[in-house]
C-alpha atoms as a PDB file:
ATOM      1  CA  MET A   1      -9.644   0.717  -4.222  1.00  0.00           C
ATOM      2  CA  SER A   2      -6.736  -0.174  -5.011  1.00  0.00           C
ATOM      3  CA  ALA A   3      -5.045  -1.719  -1.796  1.00  0.00           C
ATOM      4  CA  LEU A   4      -8.791  -3.768  -2.016  1.00  0.00           C
ATOM      5  CA  VAL A   5      -7.946  -5.400  -4.804  1.00  0.00           C
ATOM      6  CA  SER A   6      -3.919  -5.842  -4.187  1.00  0.00           C
ATOM      7  CA  VAL A   7      -5.237  -7.581  -1.245  1.00  0.00           C
ATOM      8  CA  ARG A   8      -7.233  -9.996  -3.173  1.00  0.00           C
ATOM      9  CA  GLU A   9      -4.675 -10.487  -5.787  1.00  0.00           C
ATOM     10  CA  PRO A  10      -2.063 -13.077  -4.794  1.00  0.00           C
ATOM     11  CA  GLY A  11       0.972 -11.980  -4.606  1.00  0.00           C
ATOM     12  CA  GLU A  12       3.499  -9.186  -2.417  1.00  0.00           C
ATOM     13  CA  LEU A  13       0.468  -7.327  -0.794  1.00  0.00           C
ATOM     14  CA  ARG A  14      -1.712 -10.378   0.031  1.00  0.00           C
ATOM     15  CA  GLN A  15       1.211 -12.103   1.528  1.00  0.00           C
ATOM     16  CA  TYR A  16       1.458  -9.384   4.267  1.00  0.00           C
ATOM     17  CA  PHE A  17      -2.220  -8.590   4.120  1.00  0.00           C
ATOM     18  CA  GLU A  18      -2.318 -11.933   5.260  1.00  0.00           C
ATOM     19  CA  ARG A  19       0.835 -12.083   8.202  1.00  0.00           C
ATOM     20  CA  LYS A  20      -0.332  -9.138   9.717  1.00  0.00           C
ATOM     21  CA  ARG A  21      -3.743 -10.323   9.759  1.00  0.00           C
ATOM     22  CA  ALA A  22      -2.508 -13.271  11.729  1.00  0.00           C
ATOM     23  CA  GLU A  23      -1.396 -11.327  14.299  1.00  0.00           C
ATOM     24  CA  GLY A  24      -3.840 -10.108  15.446  1.00  0.00           C
ATOM     25  CA  LYS A  25      -4.410  -7.391  13.038  1.00  0.00           C
ATOM     26  CA  LYS A  26      -7.809  -5.386  11.770  1.00  0.00           C
ATOM     27  CA  PRO A  27      -8.939  -5.303   8.794  1.00  0.00           C
ATOM     28  CA  ILE A  28      -9.334  -1.930   8.233  1.00  0.00           C
ATOM     29  CA  LEU A  29      -6.199  -1.156   9.673  1.00  0.00           C
ATOM     30  CA  VAL A  30      -4.511  -3.200   7.699  1.00  0.00           C
ATOM     31  CA  VAL A  31      -5.682  -2.123   3.916  1.00  0.00           C
ATOM     32  CA  ASN A  32      -4.568   1.784   4.952  1.00  0.00           C
ATOM     33  CA  ALA A  33      -0.838   0.577   5.440  1.00  0.00           C
ATOM     34  CA  VAL A  34      -1.330  -1.775   2.294  1.00  0.00           C
ATOM     35  CA  ARG A  35      -2.411   1.689   0.819  1.00  0.00           C
ATOM     36  CA  ASN A  36       0.314   3.723   2.591  1.00  0.00           C
ATOM     37  CA  LYS A  37       2.782   0.518   0.949  1.00  0.00           C
ATOM     38  CA  LEU A  38       1.035   1.459  -2.445  1.00  0.00           C
ATOM     39  CA  VAL A  39       1.699   5.527  -2.633  1.00  0.00           C
ATOM     40  CA  HIS A  40       5.412   5.099  -1.195  1.00  0.00           C
ATOM     41  CA  ARG A  41       6.018   2.683  -4.874  1.00  0.00           C
ATOM     42  CA  VAL A  42       4.422   5.148  -6.239  1.00  0.00           C
ATOM     43  CA  CYS A  43       6.127   8.246  -5.375  1.00  0.00           C
ATOM     44  CA  ALA A  44       9.651   6.260  -5.918  1.00  0.00           C
ATOM     45  CA  ALA A  45       8.382   5.157  -8.982  1.00  0.00           C
ATOM     46  CA  SER A  46       7.691   8.800 -10.117  1.00  0.00           C
ATOM     47  CA  GLY A  47      10.919   9.779  -8.344  1.00  0.00           C
ATOM     48  CA  THR A  48       8.892  12.370  -6.320  1.00  0.00           C
ATOM     49  CA  THR A  49      10.094  12.662  -2.902  1.00  0.00           C
ATOM     50  CA  GLY A  50       7.387  16.044  -1.613  1.00  0.00           C
ATOM     51  CA  PRO A  51       4.384  17.760  -2.627  1.00  0.00           C
ATOM     52  CA  THR A  52       5.523  19.912  -5.936  1.00  0.00           C
ATOM     53  CA  ASN A  53       4.296  22.755  -7.695  1.00  0.00           C
ATOM     54  CA  GLY A  54       4.598  22.053 -11.354  1.00  0.00           C
ATOM     55  CA  ASP A  55       7.977  23.014 -12.177  1.00  0.00           C
ATOM     56  CA  ARG A  56       9.344  19.704 -12.925  1.00  0.00           C
END
């Protein structure tokens, strides 16, 4: 859901979406790539690099 909002709103991820669509990529493929980018950003911001067992 957040990936869909990200490609609708002006910004870096929308530019990425439009660039990939211009390259001929299918929309769902690009939305999945945006979703992956969002997950990577959340993990980077939270400081986790992998699954945790709750000890942190």
